[in-house]
N, C-alpha and C. Protein backbone atom coordinates (compact mmCIF):
# COMPACT_ATOMS: atom_id res chain seq x y z
N MET A 1 7.42 -26.07 14.72
CA MET A 1 6.79 -24.96 14.06
C MET A 1 6.93 -25.13 12.55
N LYS A 2 5.85 -24.95 11.83
CA LYS A 2 5.89 -25.05 10.38
C LYS A 2 6.66 -23.86 9.84
N LYS A 3 7.19 -23.98 8.66
CA LYS A 3 7.97 -22.91 8.04
C LYS A 3 7.21 -22.35 6.85
N TYR A 4 7.39 -21.06 6.60
CA TYR A 4 6.89 -20.48 5.37
C TYR A 4 8.05 -19.80 4.67
N THR A 5 7.94 -19.66 3.39
CA THR A 5 8.94 -19.00 2.60
C THR A 5 8.27 -17.92 1.78
N PRO A 6 8.28 -16.66 2.26
CA PRO A 6 7.69 -15.61 1.44
C PRO A 6 8.57 -15.36 0.21
N TRP A 7 7.97 -15.35 -0.93
CA TRP A 7 8.72 -15.15 -2.17
C TRP A 7 8.66 -13.70 -2.57
N ILE A 8 9.80 -13.19 -2.99
CA ILE A 8 9.82 -11.83 -3.49
C ILE A 8 9.66 -11.94 -5.00
N LEU A 9 8.44 -12.26 -5.38
CA LEU A 9 8.07 -12.42 -6.78
C LEU A 9 6.96 -11.45 -7.10
N MET A 10 6.44 -11.53 -8.27
CA MET A 10 5.42 -10.57 -8.66
C MET A 10 4.18 -11.26 -9.21
N ILE A 11 3.03 -10.63 -8.96
CA ILE A 11 1.78 -11.01 -9.59
C ILE A 11 1.49 -9.88 -10.56
N ILE A 12 1.77 -10.06 -11.75
CA ILE A 12 1.53 -9.14 -12.87
C ILE A 12 2.07 -7.75 -12.64
N PRO A 13 3.19 -7.38 -12.41
CA PRO A 13 4.17 -7.81 -11.43
C PRO A 13 3.97 -7.15 -10.08
N ILE A 14 3.41 -7.84 -9.14
CA ILE A 14 3.16 -7.30 -7.80
C ILE A 14 4.15 -7.96 -6.85
N TYR A 15 4.97 -7.18 -6.16
CA TYR A 15 5.99 -7.81 -5.33
C TYR A 15 5.57 -7.91 -3.88
N PHE A 16 6.29 -8.73 -3.17
CA PHE A 16 6.00 -9.06 -1.77
C PHE A 16 5.99 -7.83 -0.89
N ALA A 17 5.02 -7.77 0.00
CA ALA A 17 4.94 -6.73 1.03
C ALA A 17 4.38 -7.37 2.28
N ILE A 18 4.45 -6.70 3.41
CA ILE A 18 3.92 -7.29 4.63
C ILE A 18 2.41 -7.15 4.68
N VAL A 19 1.77 -7.98 5.47
CA VAL A 19 0.32 -8.07 5.51
C VAL A 19 -0.33 -6.73 5.80
N VAL A 20 0.18 -5.97 6.72
CA VAL A 20 -0.47 -4.73 7.10
C VAL A 20 -0.46 -3.70 5.98
N CYS A 21 0.26 -3.95 4.90
CA CYS A 21 0.33 -3.00 3.80
C CYS A 21 -0.43 -3.47 2.58
N CYS A 22 -1.15 -4.56 2.65
CA CYS A 22 -1.84 -5.01 1.45
C CYS A 22 -3.01 -4.09 1.13
N THR A 23 -3.30 -3.94 -0.14
CA THR A 23 -4.33 -3.03 -0.62
C THR A 23 -5.70 -3.48 -0.14
N PRO A 24 -6.45 -2.62 0.55
CA PRO A 24 -7.76 -3.04 1.05
C PRO A 24 -8.82 -3.06 -0.05
N SER A 25 -9.77 -3.95 0.12
CA SER A 25 -10.88 -4.07 -0.82
C SER A 25 -12.19 -4.10 -0.04
N LEU A 26 -13.18 -3.44 -0.59
CA LEU A 26 -14.49 -3.41 0.03
C LEU A 26 -15.17 -4.79 -0.06
N HIS A 27 -14.88 -5.53 -1.12
CA HIS A 27 -15.52 -6.81 -1.36
C HIS A 27 -14.53 -7.96 -1.24
N PRO A 28 -15.01 -9.13 -0.87
CA PRO A 28 -14.12 -10.31 -0.81
C PRO A 28 -13.73 -10.75 -2.21
N ILE A 29 -12.71 -11.58 -2.27
CA ILE A 29 -12.27 -12.11 -3.55
C ILE A 29 -13.04 -13.38 -3.92
N TYR A 30 -13.84 -13.91 -3.01
CA TYR A 30 -14.46 -15.21 -3.22
C TYR A 30 -15.98 -15.14 -3.25
N THR A 31 -16.55 -16.16 -3.89
CA THR A 31 -17.96 -16.48 -3.73
C THR A 31 -18.01 -17.76 -2.92
N GLU A 32 -19.16 -18.17 -2.46
CA GLU A 32 -19.27 -19.38 -1.64
C GLU A 32 -18.71 -20.61 -2.35
N GLU A 33 -18.86 -20.65 -3.67
CA GLU A 33 -18.37 -21.82 -4.44
C GLU A 33 -16.85 -21.89 -4.48
N ASP A 34 -16.17 -20.78 -4.23
CA ASP A 34 -14.71 -20.73 -4.32
C ASP A 34 -14.01 -21.19 -3.04
N ILE A 35 -14.73 -21.26 -1.93
CA ILE A 35 -14.13 -21.56 -0.63
C ILE A 35 -13.69 -23.02 -0.56
N ILE A 36 -12.46 -23.22 -0.11
CA ILE A 36 -11.95 -24.57 0.15
C ILE A 36 -11.40 -24.57 1.58
N PHE A 37 -11.19 -25.75 2.12
CA PHE A 37 -10.60 -25.86 3.44
C PHE A 37 -9.51 -26.91 3.36
N ASP A 38 -8.30 -26.56 3.78
CA ASP A 38 -7.18 -27.48 3.79
C ASP A 38 -6.62 -27.53 5.21
N PRO A 39 -6.80 -28.67 5.90
CA PRO A 39 -6.31 -28.76 7.28
C PRO A 39 -4.80 -28.60 7.39
N ALA A 40 -4.07 -28.74 6.28
CA ALA A 40 -2.61 -28.58 6.32
C ALA A 40 -2.22 -27.15 6.67
N LEU A 41 -3.12 -26.20 6.48
CA LEU A 41 -2.82 -24.81 6.80
C LEU A 41 -2.83 -24.55 8.31
N ILE A 42 -3.54 -25.37 9.06
CA ILE A 42 -3.66 -25.19 10.50
C ILE A 42 -2.31 -25.41 11.18
N GLY A 43 -1.96 -24.48 12.03
CA GLY A 43 -0.70 -24.55 12.75
C GLY A 43 -0.05 -23.18 12.78
N THR A 44 1.15 -23.12 13.31
CA THR A 44 1.90 -21.87 13.39
C THR A 44 3.03 -21.93 12.38
N TRP A 45 3.08 -20.91 11.55
CA TRP A 45 4.08 -20.81 10.49
C TRP A 45 5.02 -19.67 10.82
N SER A 46 6.31 -19.88 10.60
CA SER A 46 7.28 -18.80 10.81
C SER A 46 8.38 -18.95 9.77
N GLY A 47 9.04 -17.83 9.48
CA GLY A 47 10.12 -17.84 8.50
C GLY A 47 11.46 -18.12 9.16
N ASP A 48 12.40 -18.52 8.35
CA ASP A 48 13.74 -18.83 8.87
C ASP A 48 14.44 -17.60 9.44
N ALA A 49 14.33 -16.47 8.74
CA ALA A 49 15.06 -15.28 9.15
C ALA A 49 14.14 -14.22 9.74
N SER A 50 12.97 -14.61 10.19
CA SER A 50 12.01 -13.63 10.67
C SER A 50 11.37 -14.12 11.97
N GLU A 51 11.00 -13.17 12.81
CA GLU A 51 10.31 -13.53 14.05
C GLU A 51 8.81 -13.39 13.92
N GLU A 52 8.31 -13.02 12.73
CA GLU A 52 6.87 -12.93 12.55
C GLU A 52 6.28 -14.33 12.48
N THR A 53 5.05 -14.46 12.94
CA THR A 53 4.37 -15.76 12.89
C THR A 53 2.97 -15.60 12.33
N TRP A 54 2.50 -16.67 11.75
CA TRP A 54 1.14 -16.77 11.21
C TRP A 54 0.54 -18.00 11.88
N GLU A 55 -0.42 -17.81 12.75
CA GLU A 55 -1.03 -18.94 13.45
C GLU A 55 -2.46 -19.13 12.95
N PHE A 56 -2.68 -20.26 12.28
CA PHE A 56 -3.99 -20.58 11.72
C PHE A 56 -4.67 -21.64 12.58
N ALA A 57 -5.94 -21.42 12.88
CA ALA A 57 -6.77 -22.41 13.57
C ALA A 57 -8.11 -22.46 12.84
N GLN A 58 -8.79 -23.59 12.95
CA GLN A 58 -10.12 -23.68 12.36
C GLN A 58 -11.07 -22.79 13.15
N HIS A 59 -11.88 -22.03 12.44
CA HIS A 59 -12.84 -21.13 13.09
C HIS A 59 -13.94 -21.97 13.74
N ASP A 60 -14.30 -21.64 14.97
CA ASP A 60 -15.31 -22.39 15.71
C ASP A 60 -16.72 -22.17 15.17
N ALA A 61 -17.02 -20.95 14.73
CA ALA A 61 -18.39 -20.60 14.39
C ALA A 61 -18.67 -20.46 12.90
N VAL A 62 -17.62 -20.37 12.08
CA VAL A 62 -17.81 -20.16 10.65
C VAL A 62 -17.25 -21.37 9.90
N ASP A 63 -18.15 -22.05 9.17
CA ASP A 63 -17.72 -23.24 8.42
C ASP A 63 -16.65 -22.89 7.39
N ASP A 64 -15.70 -23.79 7.21
CA ASP A 64 -14.65 -23.67 6.19
C ASP A 64 -13.89 -22.35 6.29
N ALA A 65 -13.66 -21.88 7.50
CA ALA A 65 -12.91 -20.64 7.71
C ALA A 65 -11.84 -20.88 8.77
N TYR A 66 -10.87 -19.99 8.77
CA TYR A 66 -9.77 -20.04 9.72
C TYR A 66 -9.77 -18.77 10.55
N VAL A 67 -9.22 -18.87 11.74
CA VAL A 67 -8.84 -17.70 12.52
C VAL A 67 -7.34 -17.59 12.31
N LEU A 68 -6.89 -16.43 11.89
CA LEU A 68 -5.46 -16.18 11.72
C LEU A 68 -5.04 -15.15 12.75
N ILE A 69 -4.00 -15.48 13.51
CA ILE A 69 -3.37 -14.50 14.38
C ILE A 69 -1.99 -14.24 13.78
N TYR A 70 -1.85 -13.04 13.25
CA TYR A 70 -0.58 -12.62 12.66
C TYR A 70 0.18 -11.81 13.70
N THR A 71 1.43 -12.20 13.97
CA THR A 71 2.26 -11.48 14.93
C THR A 71 3.52 -11.02 14.21
N ASP A 72 3.77 -9.70 14.25
CA ASP A 72 4.93 -9.16 13.55
C ASP A 72 6.19 -9.30 14.41
N GLU A 73 7.30 -8.83 13.87
CA GLU A 73 8.59 -8.99 14.54
C GLU A 73 8.68 -8.22 15.86
N ASP A 74 7.80 -7.21 16.03
CA ASP A 74 7.79 -6.44 17.28
C ASP A 74 6.87 -7.03 18.33
N GLY A 75 6.19 -8.12 17.98
CA GLY A 75 5.27 -8.76 18.92
C GLY A 75 3.84 -8.24 18.83
N ASP A 76 3.58 -7.29 17.94
CA ASP A 76 2.22 -6.79 17.75
C ASP A 76 1.44 -7.80 16.92
N SER A 77 0.18 -8.02 17.31
CA SER A 77 -0.59 -9.04 16.60
C SER A 77 -1.96 -8.52 16.19
N GLY A 78 -2.54 -9.21 15.22
CA GLY A 78 -3.87 -8.90 14.74
C GLY A 78 -4.60 -10.19 14.42
N ASN A 79 -5.92 -10.18 14.63
CA ASN A 79 -6.75 -11.34 14.35
C ASN A 79 -7.52 -11.13 13.05
N PHE A 80 -7.64 -12.20 12.27
CA PHE A 80 -8.33 -12.13 10.99
C PHE A 80 -9.22 -13.34 10.81
N LEU A 81 -10.42 -13.11 10.29
CA LEU A 81 -11.26 -14.18 9.77
C LEU A 81 -10.71 -14.45 8.38
N THR A 82 -10.29 -15.66 8.12
CA THR A 82 -9.57 -15.97 6.89
C THR A 82 -10.23 -17.12 6.15
N ARG A 83 -10.32 -16.96 4.85
CA ARG A 83 -10.85 -18.02 4.00
C ARG A 83 -9.79 -18.38 2.97
N LEU A 84 -9.62 -19.67 2.74
CA LEU A 84 -8.77 -20.17 1.66
C LEU A 84 -9.70 -20.40 0.48
N VAL A 85 -9.36 -19.82 -0.66
CA VAL A 85 -10.24 -19.92 -1.82
C VAL A 85 -9.44 -20.35 -3.04
N GLU A 86 -10.13 -21.02 -3.92
CA GLU A 86 -9.51 -21.47 -5.17
C GLU A 86 -10.25 -20.78 -6.31
N ILE A 87 -9.49 -20.04 -7.10
CA ILE A 87 -10.05 -19.32 -8.24
C ILE A 87 -9.21 -19.71 -9.45
N GLY A 88 -9.82 -20.44 -10.37
CA GLY A 88 -9.05 -20.97 -11.49
C GLY A 88 -7.99 -21.91 -10.97
N ASP A 89 -6.76 -21.69 -11.39
CA ASP A 89 -5.64 -22.52 -10.96
C ASP A 89 -4.91 -21.94 -9.75
N TYR A 90 -5.49 -20.92 -9.12
CA TYR A 90 -4.80 -20.21 -8.05
C TYR A 90 -5.54 -20.36 -6.71
N MET A 91 -4.75 -20.34 -5.64
CA MET A 91 -5.30 -20.30 -4.28
C MET A 91 -4.98 -18.94 -3.68
N PHE A 92 -5.94 -18.39 -2.96
CA PHE A 92 -5.75 -17.13 -2.27
C PHE A 92 -6.23 -17.26 -0.83
N LEU A 93 -5.66 -16.45 0.04
CA LEU A 93 -6.22 -16.23 1.36
C LEU A 93 -6.93 -14.89 1.32
N ASP A 94 -8.16 -14.86 1.79
CA ASP A 94 -8.91 -13.62 1.93
C ASP A 94 -8.93 -13.30 3.42
N LEU A 95 -8.36 -12.16 3.79
CA LEU A 95 -8.25 -11.77 5.20
C LEU A 95 -9.23 -10.66 5.50
N LEU A 96 -9.93 -10.80 6.61
CA LEU A 96 -10.86 -9.78 7.07
C LEU A 96 -10.56 -9.54 8.55
N PRO A 97 -10.24 -8.31 8.94
CA PRO A 97 -9.93 -8.05 10.35
C PRO A 97 -11.05 -8.54 11.26
N ALA A 98 -10.68 -9.19 12.34
CA ALA A 98 -11.66 -9.73 13.28
C ALA A 98 -11.20 -9.44 14.69
N GLY A 99 -10.84 -8.18 14.93
CA GLY A 99 -10.32 -7.80 16.23
C GLY A 99 -11.40 -7.67 17.27
N GLU A 100 -11.02 -7.15 18.41
CA GLU A 100 -11.94 -6.93 19.52
C GLU A 100 -13.00 -5.91 19.12
N GLU A 101 -14.14 -5.96 19.79
CA GLU A 101 -15.15 -4.93 19.59
C GLU A 101 -14.53 -3.59 19.99
N SER A 102 -14.75 -2.58 19.19
CA SER A 102 -14.09 -1.30 19.46
C SER A 102 -14.72 -0.54 20.61
N GLY A 103 -15.79 -1.04 21.23
CA GLY A 103 -16.36 -0.40 22.40
C GLY A 103 -15.35 -0.30 23.53
N ASP A 104 -14.30 -1.13 23.49
CA ASP A 104 -13.26 -1.13 24.52
C ASP A 104 -12.17 -0.11 24.25
N ASN A 105 -12.23 0.59 23.11
CA ASN A 105 -11.14 1.48 22.74
C ASN A 105 -11.32 2.92 23.22
N GLY A 106 -12.36 3.15 24.02
CA GLY A 106 -12.58 4.49 24.53
C GLY A 106 -13.40 5.37 23.60
N VAL A 107 -13.72 4.90 22.41
CA VAL A 107 -14.47 5.70 21.45
C VAL A 107 -15.94 5.33 21.50
N GLY A 108 -16.24 4.08 21.75
CA GLY A 108 -17.62 3.64 21.91
C GLY A 108 -18.29 3.23 20.61
N GLU A 109 -19.62 3.24 20.64
CA GLU A 109 -20.42 2.73 19.53
C GLU A 109 -20.20 3.45 18.23
N ILE A 110 -19.93 4.74 18.27
CA ILE A 110 -19.76 5.48 17.02
C ILE A 110 -18.59 4.93 16.21
N SER A 111 -17.57 4.46 16.91
CA SER A 111 -16.43 3.85 16.22
C SER A 111 -16.86 2.58 15.49
N ASP A 112 -17.71 1.77 16.15
CA ASP A 112 -18.21 0.55 15.51
C ASP A 112 -18.99 0.88 14.24
N ILE A 113 -19.75 1.96 14.26
CA ILE A 113 -20.56 2.34 13.12
C ILE A 113 -19.68 2.82 11.96
N LEU A 114 -18.64 3.57 12.26
CA LEU A 114 -17.82 4.18 11.21
C LEU A 114 -16.72 3.27 10.69
N MET A 115 -16.36 2.26 11.42
CA MET A 115 -15.30 1.36 10.98
C MET A 115 -15.87 0.30 10.05
N VAL A 116 -15.29 0.20 8.86
CA VAL A 116 -15.73 -0.79 7.89
C VAL A 116 -14.57 -1.77 7.67
N PRO A 117 -14.75 -3.04 8.04
CA PRO A 117 -13.67 -4.00 7.81
C PRO A 117 -13.42 -4.16 6.31
N MET A 118 -12.16 -4.20 5.94
CA MET A 118 -11.77 -4.36 4.54
C MET A 118 -11.08 -5.70 4.35
N HIS A 119 -11.23 -6.24 3.17
CA HIS A 119 -10.59 -7.49 2.82
C HIS A 119 -9.19 -7.22 2.28
N GLY A 120 -8.29 -8.16 2.51
CA GLY A 120 -6.97 -8.16 1.91
C GLY A 120 -6.74 -9.54 1.31
N PHE A 121 -5.91 -9.61 0.28
CA PHE A 121 -5.72 -10.87 -0.43
C PHE A 121 -4.25 -11.26 -0.47
N ILE A 122 -4.03 -12.55 -0.34
CA ILE A 122 -2.68 -13.11 -0.42
C ILE A 122 -2.73 -14.28 -1.38
N LEU A 123 -1.86 -14.28 -2.36
CA LEU A 123 -1.75 -15.41 -3.29
C LEU A 123 -0.96 -16.51 -2.60
N VAL A 124 -1.52 -17.70 -2.54
CA VAL A 124 -0.86 -18.84 -1.90
C VAL A 124 -0.28 -19.72 -3.01
N ASP A 125 1.04 -19.83 -3.05
CA ASP A 125 1.68 -20.68 -4.05
C ASP A 125 1.66 -22.14 -3.63
N GLN A 126 1.83 -22.38 -2.34
CA GLN A 126 1.75 -23.75 -1.81
C GLN A 126 1.60 -23.69 -0.31
N ILE A 127 1.06 -24.77 0.24
CA ILE A 127 0.92 -24.88 1.70
C ILE A 127 1.95 -25.84 2.26
N GLU A 128 2.12 -26.98 1.62
CA GLU A 128 3.09 -27.96 2.12
C GLU A 128 4.22 -28.16 1.12
N PRO A 129 5.41 -28.39 1.58
CA PRO A 129 5.88 -28.54 2.95
C PRO A 129 6.10 -27.21 3.66
N SER A 130 6.09 -26.10 2.90
CA SER A 130 6.21 -24.79 3.52
C SER A 130 5.18 -23.87 2.89
N LEU A 131 4.72 -22.90 3.67
CA LEU A 131 3.74 -21.95 3.19
C LEU A 131 4.45 -20.89 2.36
N ASN A 132 4.17 -20.85 1.07
CA ASN A 132 4.75 -19.85 0.17
C ASN A 132 3.63 -18.95 -0.32
N TYR A 133 3.82 -17.64 -0.20
CA TYR A 133 2.76 -16.71 -0.55
C TYR A 133 3.34 -15.44 -1.16
N ARG A 134 2.45 -14.66 -1.78
CA ARG A 134 2.81 -13.35 -2.33
C ARG A 134 1.66 -12.39 -2.03
N ILE A 135 2.00 -11.12 -1.78
CA ILE A 135 1.02 -10.11 -1.41
C ILE A 135 1.12 -8.92 -2.36
N MET A 136 -0.04 -8.34 -2.71
CA MET A 136 -0.04 -7.17 -3.59
C MET A 136 0.66 -6.00 -2.92
N ASP A 137 1.33 -5.21 -3.72
CA ASP A 137 2.01 -4.02 -3.23
C ASP A 137 1.15 -2.80 -3.52
N ASP A 138 0.88 -2.00 -2.49
CA ASP A 138 0.06 -0.80 -2.63
C ASP A 138 0.57 0.14 -3.71
N ASP A 139 1.86 0.42 -3.70
CA ASP A 139 2.43 1.38 -4.65
C ASP A 139 2.27 0.92 -6.09
N TRP A 140 2.55 -0.37 -6.33
CA TRP A 140 2.45 -0.87 -7.70
C TRP A 140 1.02 -0.78 -8.20
N ILE A 141 0.08 -1.27 -7.40
CA ILE A 141 -1.30 -1.28 -7.88
C ILE A 141 -1.84 0.14 -8.02
N ALA A 142 -1.46 1.07 -7.14
CA ALA A 142 -1.89 2.46 -7.28
C ALA A 142 -1.36 3.07 -8.57
N ASP A 143 -0.08 2.83 -8.86
CA ASP A 143 0.50 3.33 -10.11
C ASP A 143 -0.18 2.70 -11.32
N TYR A 144 -0.41 1.39 -11.27
CA TYR A 144 -1.05 0.69 -12.38
C TYR A 144 -2.46 1.24 -12.63
N LEU A 145 -3.21 1.45 -11.56
CA LEU A 145 -4.58 1.96 -11.72
C LEU A 145 -4.61 3.43 -12.11
N GLU A 146 -3.59 4.17 -11.75
CA GLU A 146 -3.50 5.57 -12.20
C GLU A 146 -3.30 5.61 -13.72
N GLN A 147 -2.49 4.67 -14.24
CA GLN A 147 -2.23 4.61 -15.68
C GLN A 147 -3.37 3.93 -16.44
N ASN A 148 -4.13 3.07 -15.76
CA ASN A 148 -5.22 2.31 -16.38
C ASN A 148 -6.47 2.41 -15.50
N PRO A 149 -7.06 3.59 -15.37
CA PRO A 149 -8.13 3.79 -14.39
C PRO A 149 -9.39 2.97 -14.62
N GLY A 150 -9.64 2.54 -15.84
CA GLY A 150 -10.86 1.79 -16.11
C GLY A 150 -10.74 0.30 -15.90
N VAL A 151 -9.58 -0.18 -15.53
CA VAL A 151 -9.36 -1.62 -15.40
C VAL A 151 -10.09 -2.22 -14.20
N LEU A 152 -10.16 -1.48 -13.11
CA LEU A 152 -10.72 -2.00 -11.86
C LEU A 152 -11.31 -0.84 -11.06
N LYS A 153 -12.55 -0.99 -10.60
CA LYS A 153 -13.16 0.08 -9.80
C LYS A 153 -12.37 0.29 -8.52
N HIS A 154 -12.13 1.56 -8.21
CA HIS A 154 -11.36 1.90 -7.02
C HIS A 154 -11.62 3.36 -6.64
N GLU A 155 -11.21 3.71 -5.46
CA GLU A 155 -11.26 5.08 -4.98
C GLU A 155 -9.89 5.40 -4.40
N LEU A 156 -9.52 6.66 -4.52
CA LEU A 156 -8.28 7.12 -3.92
C LEU A 156 -8.66 8.13 -2.85
N GLU A 157 -8.52 7.72 -1.60
CA GLU A 157 -8.90 8.56 -0.47
C GLU A 157 -7.70 9.45 -0.12
N THR A 158 -7.93 10.74 -0.06
CA THR A 158 -6.85 11.65 0.29
C THR A 158 -7.13 12.38 1.60
N GLU A 159 -8.36 12.35 2.07
CA GLU A 159 -8.72 13.00 3.34
C GLU A 159 -8.66 11.96 4.44
N ASN A 160 -7.51 11.78 5.05
CA ASN A 160 -7.39 10.81 6.13
C ASN A 160 -6.41 11.31 7.18
N TYR A 161 -6.24 10.54 8.21
CA TYR A 161 -5.41 10.95 9.34
C TYR A 161 -3.95 11.20 8.98
N SER A 162 -3.44 10.57 7.94
CA SER A 162 -2.02 10.72 7.60
C SER A 162 -1.80 11.68 6.44
N ASN A 163 -2.88 12.17 5.82
CA ASN A 163 -2.80 13.05 4.65
C ASN A 163 -2.07 12.41 3.48
N GLU A 164 -1.98 11.10 3.49
CA GLU A 164 -1.41 10.36 2.37
C GLU A 164 -2.54 9.71 1.59
N ALA A 165 -2.39 9.66 0.29
CA ALA A 165 -3.41 9.01 -0.53
C ALA A 165 -3.46 7.53 -0.18
N ARG A 166 -4.67 7.00 -0.05
CA ARG A 166 -4.86 5.58 0.29
C ARG A 166 -5.81 4.98 -0.73
N LEU A 167 -5.38 3.92 -1.35
CA LEU A 167 -6.16 3.24 -2.38
C LEU A 167 -7.15 2.28 -1.74
N LEU A 168 -8.38 2.29 -2.22
CA LEU A 168 -9.41 1.36 -1.79
C LEU A 168 -10.02 0.73 -3.04
N LEU A 169 -9.92 -0.59 -3.13
CA LEU A 169 -10.53 -1.30 -4.25
C LEU A 169 -12.02 -1.46 -3.97
N THR A 170 -12.85 -1.07 -4.93
CA THR A 170 -14.30 -1.14 -4.76
C THR A 170 -14.94 -2.04 -5.81
N ALA A 171 -14.14 -2.71 -6.58
CA ALA A 171 -14.65 -3.59 -7.64
C ALA A 171 -15.42 -4.76 -7.04
N SER A 172 -16.32 -5.33 -7.83
CA SER A 172 -17.08 -6.49 -7.39
C SER A 172 -16.16 -7.70 -7.24
N THR A 173 -16.66 -8.69 -6.54
CA THR A 173 -15.90 -9.94 -6.37
C THR A 173 -15.50 -10.50 -7.72
N GLU A 174 -16.43 -10.55 -8.66
CA GLU A 174 -16.15 -11.13 -9.98
C GLU A 174 -15.06 -10.34 -10.72
N ASP A 175 -15.13 -9.01 -10.65
CA ASP A 175 -14.11 -8.19 -11.31
C ASP A 175 -12.75 -8.34 -10.64
N MET A 176 -12.73 -8.45 -9.31
CA MET A 176 -11.46 -8.67 -8.60
C MET A 176 -10.84 -9.99 -9.01
N GLN A 177 -11.67 -11.04 -9.10
CA GLN A 177 -11.16 -12.35 -9.50
C GLN A 177 -10.54 -12.28 -10.89
N ALA A 178 -11.23 -11.65 -11.82
CA ALA A 178 -10.73 -11.56 -13.19
C ALA A 178 -9.41 -10.77 -13.22
N PHE A 179 -9.32 -9.69 -12.47
CA PHE A 179 -8.11 -8.88 -12.45
C PHE A 179 -6.93 -9.65 -11.86
N LEU A 180 -7.14 -10.30 -10.73
CA LEU A 180 -6.04 -10.98 -10.05
C LEU A 180 -5.55 -12.20 -10.82
N ILE A 181 -6.44 -12.83 -11.54
CA ILE A 181 -6.02 -14.02 -12.29
C ILE A 181 -5.48 -13.62 -13.62
């Protein structure tokens, strides 16, 4: 099994968080020209002190894309259509949920209509010999955007199932790239 080393570092300063907590974005971080494919990413990655796994496989139907199955320490997993992209001197993973059709969840077609898949981004520091990455922290970016509201288009949703404010990035791909770099 390949190893990864999640770094508790910051991106301007954004510290490490788990995948399910990364700030959602309406738009991807990449354009077609930014997509790269590195076969070294294919395989199952796990941490030394963690039972979570990241299993990457080449996507059968989408060129230069990966299927990622992320499994947390409790054994819960999620599927993502994933692209490795290079923007400037940086590599990112762009994750888009690619789960089962929601017609099986008892809600039916209306759920499919109302559910909008959101992108999440992970900064990749290196792939070999170990996968090192960093993920944006929701709290930091929400605080930063509250103090600097004009820096990046976003919405703060407060009417939701948990009654907690949820940040949604709505900036264009180009604006997201400029902000993250």
